[in-house]
PDB file of N, CA and C in Angstrom:
ATOM      1  N   LYS A   1     -13.092  -2.271  -4.290  1.00  0.00           N
ATOM      2  CA  LYS A   1     -11.725  -1.838  -4.077  1.00  0.00           C
ATOM      3  C   LYS A   1     -10.856  -3.059  -3.806  1.00  0.00           C
ATOM      4  N   PRO A   2      -9.706  -3.121  -4.434  1.00  0.00           N
ATOM      5  CA  PRO A   2      -8.800  -4.260  -4.180  1.00  0.00           C
ATOM      6  C   PRO A   2      -8.434  -4.404  -2.712  1.00  0.00           C
ATOM      7  N   SER A   3      -8.286  -3.296  -1.997  1.00  0.00           N
ATOM      8  CA  SER A   3      -7.911  -3.379  -0.583  1.00  0.00           C
ATOM      9  C   SER A   3      -8.993  -4.073   0.240  1.00  0.00           C
ATOM     10  N   ASP A   4     -10.250  -3.903  -0.121  1.00  0.00           N
ATOM     11  CA  ASP A   4     -11.328  -4.597   0.584  1.00  0.00           C
ATOM     12  C   ASP A   4     -11.234  -6.100   0.363  1.00  0.00           C
ATOM     13  N   SER A   5     -10.877  -6.504  -0.839  1.00  0.00           N
ATOM     14  CA  SER A   5     -10.711  -7.931  -1.127  1.00  0.00           C
ATOM     15  C   SER A   5      -9.562  -8.515  -0.322  1.00  0.00           C
ATOM     16  N   VAL A   6      -8.472  -7.784  -0.214  1.00  0.00           N
ATOM     17  CA  VAL A   6      -7.334  -8.248   0.586  1.00  0.00           C
ATOM     18  C   VAL A   6      -7.748  -8.346   2.054  1.00  0.00           C
ATOM     19  N   ALA A   7      -8.474  -7.369   2.549  1.00  0.00           N
ATOM     20  CA  ALA A   7      -8.909  -7.371   3.950  1.00  0.00           C
ATOM     21  C   ALA A   7      -9.808  -8.561   4.260  1.00  0.00           C
ATOM     22  N   ALA A   8     -10.515  -9.061   3.267  1.00  0.00           N
ATOM     23  CA  ALA A   8     -11.445 -10.174   3.471  1.00  0.00           C
ATOM     24  C   ALA A   8     -10.768 -11.544   3.402  1.00  0.00           C
ATOM     25  N   LEU A   9      -9.477 -11.589   3.146  1.00  0.00           N
ATOM     26  CA  LEU A   9      -8.776 -12.871   3.054  1.00  0.00           C
ATOM     27  C   LEU A   9      -8.874 -13.646   4.362  1.00  0.00           C
ATOM     28  N   ASP A  10      -8.977 -14.968   4.238  1.00  0.00           N
ATOM     29  CA  ASP A  10      -8.963 -15.836   5.416  1.00  0.00           C
ATOM     30  C   ASP A  10      -7.548 -16.045   5.928  1.00  0.00           C
ATOM     31  N   TYR A  11      -6.565 -15.846   5.078  1.00  0.00           N
ATOM     32  CA  TYR A  11      -5.170 -16.048   5.461  1.00  0.00           C
ATOM     33  C   TYR A  11      -4.817 -15.074   6.585  1.00  0.00           C
ATOM     34  N   PRO A  12      -4.293 -15.572   7.698  1.00  0.00           N
ATOM     35  CA  PRO A  12      -4.112 -14.710   8.864  1.00  0.00           C
ATOM     36  C   PRO A  12      -2.825 -13.883   8.889  1.00  0.00           C
ATOM     37  N   ASN A  13      -1.853 -14.223   8.058  1.00  0.00           N
ATOM     38  CA  ASN A  13      -0.536 -13.604   8.191  1.00  0.00           C
ATOM     39  C   ASN A  13      -0.177 -12.824   6.929  1.00  0.00           C
ATOM     40  N   PHE A  14      -0.696 -11.624   6.817  1.00  0.00           N
ATOM     41  CA  PHE A  14      -0.344 -10.789   5.672  1.00  0.00           C
ATOM     42  C   PHE A  14      -0.289  -9.330   6.101  1.00  0.00           C
ATOM     43  N   GLU A  15       0.419  -8.559   5.302  1.00  0.00           N
ATOM     44  CA  GLU A  15       0.361  -7.110   5.426  1.00  0.00           C
ATOM     45  C   GLU A  15       0.128  -6.567   4.028  1.00  0.00           C
ATOM     46  N   CYS A  16      -0.527  -5.454   3.951  1.00  0.00           N
ATOM     47  CA  CYS A  16      -0.809  -4.819   2.669  1.00  0.00           C
ATOM     48  C   CYS A  16      -0.203  -3.419   2.717  1.00  0.00           C
ATOM     49  N   ILE A  17       0.709  -3.169   1.808  1.00  0.00           N
ATOM     50  CA  ILE A  17       1.362  -1.866   1.732  1.00  0.00           C
ATOM     51  C   ILE A  17       0.763  -1.122   0.543  1.00  0.00           C
ATOM     52  N   VAL A  18       0.159   0.001   0.821  1.00  0.00           N
ATOM     53  CA  VAL A  18      -0.478   0.810  -0.215  1.00  0.00           C
ATOM     54  C   VAL A  18       0.387   2.040  -0.431  1.00  0.00           C
ATOM     55  N   VAL A  19       0.897   2.182  -1.651  1.00  0.00           N
ATOM     56  CA  VAL A  19       1.745   3.323  -1.990  1.00  0.00           C
ATOM     57  C   VAL A  19       0.994   4.211  -2.976  1.00  0.00           C
ATOM     58  N   VAL A  20       0.772   5.444  -2.587  1.00  0.00           N
ATOM     59  CA  VAL A  20       0.233   6.451  -3.498  1.00  0.00           C
ATOM     60  C   VAL A  20       1.422   7.306  -3.898  1.00  0.00           C
ATOM     61  N   ASN A  21       1.683   7.369  -5.197  1.00  0.00           N
ATOM     62  CA  ASN A  21       2.882   8.079  -5.632  1.00  0.00           C
ATOM     63  C   ASN A  21       2.572   9.199  -6.618  1.00  0.00           C
ATOM     64  N   ASN A  22       3.355  10.268  -6.469  1.00  0.00           N
ATOM     65  CA  ASN A  22       3.298  11.415  -7.376  1.00  0.00           C
ATOM     66  C   ASN A  22       1.887  11.985  -7.501  1.00  0.00           C
ATOM     67  N   THR A  23       1.180  12.037  -6.383  1.00  0.00           N
ATOM     68  CA  THR A  23      -0.174  12.581  -6.369  1.00  0.00           C
ATOM     69  C   THR A  23      -0.192  13.780  -5.420  1.00  0.00           C
ATOM     70  N   PRO A  24      -0.091  14.993  -5.967  1.00  0.00           N
ATOM     71  CA  PRO A  24       0.021  16.172  -5.107  1.00  0.00           C
ATOM     72  C   PRO A  24      -1.300  16.632  -4.488  1.00  0.00           C
ATOM     73  N   ASP A  25      -2.422  16.136  -4.968  1.00  0.00           N
ATOM     74  CA  ASP A  25      -3.724  16.607  -4.508  1.00  0.00           C
ATOM     75  C   ASP A  25      -4.180  15.839  -3.264  1.00  0.00           C
ATOM     76  N   PRO A  26      -4.239  16.501  -2.110  1.00  0.00           N
ATOM     77  CA  PRO A  26      -4.678  15.823  -0.885  1.00  0.00           C
ATOM     78  C   PRO A  26      -6.073  15.212  -1.003  1.00  0.00           C
ATOM     79  N   ALA A  27      -6.919  15.781  -1.842  1.00  0.00           N
ATOM     80  CA  ALA A  27      -8.269  15.238  -2.018  1.00  0.00           C
ATOM     81  C   ALA A  27      -8.239  13.841  -2.635  1.00  0.00           C
ATOM     82  N   MET A  28      -7.159  13.504  -3.313  1.00  0.00           N
ATOM     83  CA  MET A  28      -7.001  12.162  -3.883  1.00  0.00           C
ATOM     84  C   MET A  28      -6.311  11.225  -2.897  1.00  0.00           C
ATOM     85  N   VAL A  29      -5.450  11.764  -2.065  1.00  0.00           N
ATOM     86  CA  VAL A  29      -4.622  10.955  -1.165  1.00  0.00           C
ATOM     87  C   VAL A  29      -5.351  10.620   0.135  1.00  0.00           C
ATOM     88  N   LEU A  30      -5.984  11.597   0.750  1.00  0.00           N
ATOM     89  CA  LEU A  30      -6.585  11.407   2.074  1.00  0.00           C
ATOM     90  C   LEU A  30      -7.636  10.301   2.134  1.00  0.00           C
ATOM     91  N   PRO A  31      -8.532  10.174   1.151  1.00  0.00           N
ATOM     92  CA  PRO A  31      -9.505   9.078   1.230  1.00  0.00           C
ATOM     93  C   PRO A  31      -8.845   7.694   1.221  1.00  0.00           C
ATOM     94  N   VAL A  32      -7.768   7.556   0.481  1.00  0.00           N
ATOM     95  CA  VAL A  32      -7.055   6.273   0.441  1.00  0.00           C
ATOM     96  C   VAL A  32      -6.409   6.004   1.793  1.00  0.00           C
ATOM     97  N   GLU A  33      -5.775   7.026   2.358  1.00  0.00           N
ATOM     98  CA  GLU A  33      -5.148   6.875   3.672  1.00  0.00           C
ATOM     99  C   GLU A  33      -6.187   6.515   4.739  1.00  0.00           C
ATOM    100  N   GLU A  34      -7.314   7.196   4.727  1.00  0.00           N
ATOM    101  CA  GLU A  34      -8.367   6.928   5.707  1.00  0.00           C
ATOM    102  C   GLU A  34      -8.929   5.519   5.544  1.00  0.00           C
ATOM    103  N   HIS A  35      -9.085   5.072   4.310  1.00  0.00           N
ATOM    104  CA  HIS A  35      -9.602   3.723   4.061  1.00  0.00           C
ATOM    105  C   HIS A  35      -8.617   2.674   4.572  1.00  0.00           C
ATOM    106  N   CYS A  36      -7.344   2.879   4.333  1.00  0.00           N
ATOM    107  CA  CYS A  36      -6.328   1.947   4.847  1.00  0.00           C
ATOM    108  C   CYS A  36      -6.377   1.896   6.369  1.00  0.00           C
ATOM    109  N   ARG A  37      -6.497   3.032   6.996  1.00  0.00           N
ATOM    110  CA  ARG A  37      -6.574   3.090   8.460  1.00  0.00           C
ATOM    111  C   ARG A  37      -7.804   2.325   8.961  1.00  0.00           C
ATOM    112  N   ALA A  38      -8.927   2.477   8.253  1.00  0.00           N
ATOM    113  CA  ALA A  38     -10.164   1.795   8.649  1.00  0.00           C
ATOM    114  C   ALA A  38     -10.055   0.280   8.494  1.00  0.00           C
ATOM    115  N   LEU A  39      -9.206  -0.175   7.579  1.00  0.00           N
ATOM    116  CA  LEU A  39      -9.059  -1.614   7.349  1.00  0.00           C
ATOM    117  C   LEU A  39      -8.194  -2.289   8.403  1.00  0.00           C
ATOM    118  N   GLY A  40      -7.463  -1.533   9.191  1.00  0.00           N
ATOM    119  CA  GLY A  40      -6.750  -2.121  10.316  1.00  0.00           C
ATOM    120  C   GLY A  40      -5.242  -2.086  10.206  1.00  0.00           C
ATOM    121  N   SER A  41      -4.627  -2.662  11.217  1.00  0.00           N
ATOM    122  CA  SER A  41      -3.173  -2.552  11.385  1.00  0.00           C
ATOM    123  C   SER A  41      -2.369  -3.319  10.342  1.00  0.00           C
ATOM    124  N   ARG A  42      -2.990  -4.226   9.625  1.00  0.00           N
ATOM    125  CA  ARG A  42      -2.238  -4.958   8.596  1.00  0.00           C
ATOM    126  C   ARG A  42      -2.063  -4.133   7.327  1.00  0.00           C
ATOM    127  N   PHE A  43      -2.667  -2.959   7.284  1.00  0.00           N
ATOM    128  CA  PHE A  43      -2.562  -2.085   6.120  1.00  0.00           C
ATOM    129  C   PHE A  43      -1.649  -0.914   6.449  1.00  0.00           C
ATOM    130  N   LYS A  44      -0.623  -0.771   5.635  1.00  0.00           N
ATOM    131  CA  LYS A  44       0.349   0.314   5.808  1.00  0.00           C
ATOM    132  C   LYS A  44       0.203   1.263   4.615  1.00  0.00           C
ATOM    133  N   PHE A  45      -0.031   2.518   4.891  1.00  0.00           N
ATOM    134  CA  PHE A  45      -0.200   3.527   3.849  1.00  0.00           C
ATOM    135  C   PHE A  45       1.061   4.361   3.737  1.00  0.00           C
ATOM    136  N   ILE A  46       1.521   4.558   2.515  1.00  0.00           N
ATOM    137  CA  ILE A  46       2.692   5.399   2.264  1.00  0.00           C
ATOM    138  C   ILE A  46       2.329   6.406   1.178  1.00  0.00           C
ATOM    139  N   ASN A  47       2.468   7.684   1.495  1.00  0.00           N
ATOM    140  CA  ASN A  47       2.273   8.737   0.509  1.00  0.00           C
ATOM    141  C   ASN A  47       3.649   9.176   0.029  1.00  0.00           C
ATOM    142  N   ALA A  48       4.029   8.717  -1.136  1.00  0.00           N
ATOM    143  CA  ALA A  48       5.326   9.044  -1.726  1.00  0.00           C
ATOM    144  C   ALA A  48       5.102  10.181  -2.718  1.00  0.00           C
ATOM    145  N   GLU A  49       5.299  11.395  -2.244  1.00  0.00           N
ATOM    146  CA  GLU A  49       4.940  12.570  -3.036  1.00  0.00           C
ATOM    147  C   GLU A  49       5.802  12.758  -4.278  1.00  0.00           C
ATOM    148  N   LYS A  50       7.068  12.443  -4.181  1.00  0.00           N
ATOM    149  CA  LYS A  50       7.960  12.607  -5.340  1.00  0.00           C
ATOM    150  C   LYS A  50       8.761  11.329  -5.509  1.00  0.00           C
ATOM    151  N   VAL A  51       8.373  10.549  -6.501  1.00  0.00           N
ATOM    152  CA  VAL A  51       9.009   9.256  -6.741  1.00  0.00           C
ATOM    153  C   VAL A  51       9.633   9.257  -8.123  1.00  0.00           C
ATOM    154  N   ASP A  52      10.920   8.980  -8.177  1.00  0.00           N
ATOM    155  CA  ASP A  52      11.567   8.779  -9.471  1.00  0.00           C
ATOM    156  C   ASP A  52      11.204   7.383  -9.957  1.00  0.00           C
ATOM    157  N   GLY A  53      10.959   7.265 -11.236  1.00  0.00           N
ATOM    158  CA  GLY A  53      10.663   5.958 -11.792  1.00  0.00           C
ATOM    159  C   GLY A  53       9.188   5.600 -11.758  1.00  0.00           C
ATOM    160  N   PHE A  54       8.356   6.507 -11.313  1.00  0.00           N
ATOM    161  CA  PHE A  54       6.910   6.314 -11.282  1.00  0.00           C
ATOM    162  C   PHE A  54       6.543   4.972 -10.657  1.00  0.00           C
ATOM    163  N   LYS A  55       5.950   4.045 -11.432  1.00  0.00           N
ATOM    164  CA  LYS A  55       5.496   2.772 -10.858  1.00  0.00           C
ATOM    165  C   LYS A  55       6.659   1.959 -10.305  1.00  0.00           C
ATOM    166  N   ALA A  56       7.754   1.896 -11.035  1.00  0.00           N
ATOM    167  CA  ALA A  56       8.917   1.139 -10.547  1.00  0.00           C
ATOM    168  C   ALA A  56       9.439   1.749  -9.251  1.00  0.00           C
ATOM    169  N   GLY A  57       9.426   3.060  -9.156  1.00  0.00           N
ATOM    170  CA  GLY A  57       9.855   3.723  -7.928  1.00  0.00           C
ATOM    171  C   GLY A  57       8.927   3.411  -6.768  1.00  0.00           C
ATOM    172  N   ALA A  58       7.628   3.388  -7.031  1.00  0.00           N
ATOM    173  CA  ALA A  58       6.660   3.036  -5.988  1.00  0.00           C
ATOM    174  C   ALA A  58       6.856   1.594  -5.535  1.00  0.00           C
ATOM    175  N   LEU A  59       7.157   0.712  -6.468  1.00  0.00           N
ATOM    176  CA  LEU A  59       7.416  -0.693  -6.106  1.00  0.00           C
ATOM    177  C   LEU A  59       8.660  -0.807  -5.238  1.00  0.00           C
ATOM    178  N   ARG A  60       9.686  -0.036  -5.550  1.00  0.00           N
ATOM    179  CA  ARG A  60      10.891  -0.047  -4.709  1.00  0.00           C
ATOM    180  C   ARG A  60      10.567   0.402  -3.284  1.00  0.00           C
ATOM    181  N   ILE A  61       9.732   1.414  -3.163  1.00  0.00           N
ATOM    182  CA  ILE A  61       9.326   1.891  -1.838  1.00  0.00           C
ATOM    183  C   ILE A  61       8.552   0.804  -1.099  1.00  0.00           C
ATOM    184  N   ALA A  62       7.631   0.156  -1.789  1.00  0.00           N
ATOM    185  CA  ALA A  62       6.854  -0.918  -1.157  1.00  0.00           C
ATOM    186  C   ALA A  62       7.767  -2.043  -0.693  1.00  0.00           C
ATOM    187  N   LEU A  63       8.704  -2.451  -1.536  1.00  0.00           N
ATOM    188  CA  LEU A  63       9.614  -3.540  -1.157  1.00  0.00           C
ATOM    189  C   LEU A  63      10.500  -3.143   0.018  1.00  0.00           C
ATOM    190  N   ALA A  64      10.916  -1.893   0.062  1.00  0.00           N
ATOM    191  CA  ALA A  64      11.747  -1.424   1.175  1.00  0.00           C
ATOM    192  C   ALA A  64      10.976  -1.419   2.494  1.00  0.00           C
ATOM    193  N   ASN A  65       9.655  -1.400   2.425  1.00  0.00           N
ATOM    194  CA  ASN A  65       8.812  -1.386   3.623  1.00  0.00           C
ATOM    195  C   ASN A  65       8.137  -2.724   3.888  1.00  0.00           C
ATOM    196  N   THR A  66       8.522  -3.740   3.130  1.00  0.00           N
ATOM    197  CA  THR A  66       7.966  -5.078   3.307  1.00  0.00           C
ATOM    198  C   THR A  66       8.685  -5.776   4.459  1.00  0.00           C
ATOM    199  N   ALA A  67       7.950  -6.557   5.213  1.00  0.00           N
ATOM    200  CA  ALA A  67       8.531  -7.285   6.349  1.00  0.00           C
ATOM    201  C   ALA A  67       9.677  -8.178   5.878  1.00  0.00           C
ATOM    202  N   ASP A  68      10.730  -8.253   6.684  1.00  0.00           N
ATOM    203  CA  ASP A  68      11.899  -9.062   6.335  1.00  0.00           C
ATOM    204  C   ASP A  68      11.562 -10.535   6.154  1.00  0.00           C
ATOM    205  N   ASP A  69      10.554 -11.020   6.857  1.00  0.00           N
ATOM    206  CA  ASP A  69      10.211 -12.439   6.776  1.00  0.00           C
ATOM    207  C   ASP A  69       9.110 -12.732   5.757  1.00  0.00           C
ATOM    208  N   ALA A  70       8.805 -11.772   4.888  1.00  0.00           N
ATOM    209  CA  ALA A  70       7.770 -11.987   3.871  1.00  0.00           C
ATOM    210  C   ALA A  70       8.173 -13.126   2.941  1.00  0.00           C
ATOM    211  N   GLU A  71       7.236 -14.015   2.684  1.00  0.00           N
ATOM    212  CA  GLU A  71       7.483 -15.152   1.802  1.00  0.00           C
ATOM    213  C   GLU A  71       6.914 -14.932   0.412  1.00  0.00           C
ATOM    214  N   VAL A  72       5.871 -14.124   0.308  1.00  0.00           N
ATOM    215  CA  VAL A  72       5.216 -13.862  -0.967  1.00  0.00           C
ATOM    216  C   VAL A  72       4.958 -12.366  -1.059  1.00  0.00           C
ATOM    217  N   VAL A  73       5.242 -11.806  -2.219  1.00  0.00           N
ATOM    218  CA  VAL A  73       4.915 -10.405  -2.485  1.00  0.00           C
ATOM    219  C   VAL A  73       4.016 -10.391  -3.709  1.00  0.00           C
ATOM    220  N   ALA A  74       2.856  -9.784  -3.588  1.00  0.00           N
ATOM    221  CA  ALA A  74       1.906  -9.716  -4.698  1.00  0.00           C
ATOM    222  C   ALA A  74       1.644  -8.252  -5.023  1.00  0.00           C
ATOM    223  N   LEU A  75       1.384  -7.981  -6.273  1.00  0.00           N
ATOM    224  CA  LEU A  75       1.122  -6.622  -6.732  1.00  0.00           C
ATOM    225  C   LEU A  75      -0.328  -6.508  -7.169  1.00  0.00           C
ATOM    226  N   LEU A  76      -1.010  -5.512  -6.639  1.00  0.00           N
ATOM    227  CA  LEU A  76      -2.358  -5.165  -7.081  1.00  0.00           C
ATOM    228  C   LEU A  76      -2.286  -3.749  -7.613  1.00  0.00           C
ATOM    229  N   ASP A  77      -2.810  -3.557  -8.785  1.00  0.00           N
ATOM    230  CA  ASP A  77      -2.714  -2.236  -9.396  1.00  0.00           C
ATOM    231  C   ASP A  77      -4.089  -1.747  -9.796  1.00  0.00           C
TER     232      ASP A  77
END
């Protein structure tokens, strides 16, 4: 899982925002949310049930929830 690779980084100052978008089935959403919670406080989970723009809309949500002092934003898909 990409989130496990991010969690294993040696870099101490990061946050990982995971956006699940347009997924109405809780059986698909809950395992991702639980995994993010298990990875710790640097992982923020957002369930965006109705997103206009699909991937672009999810990216807008992620950017809106990114720390103001973020220097680098990376996308994992």
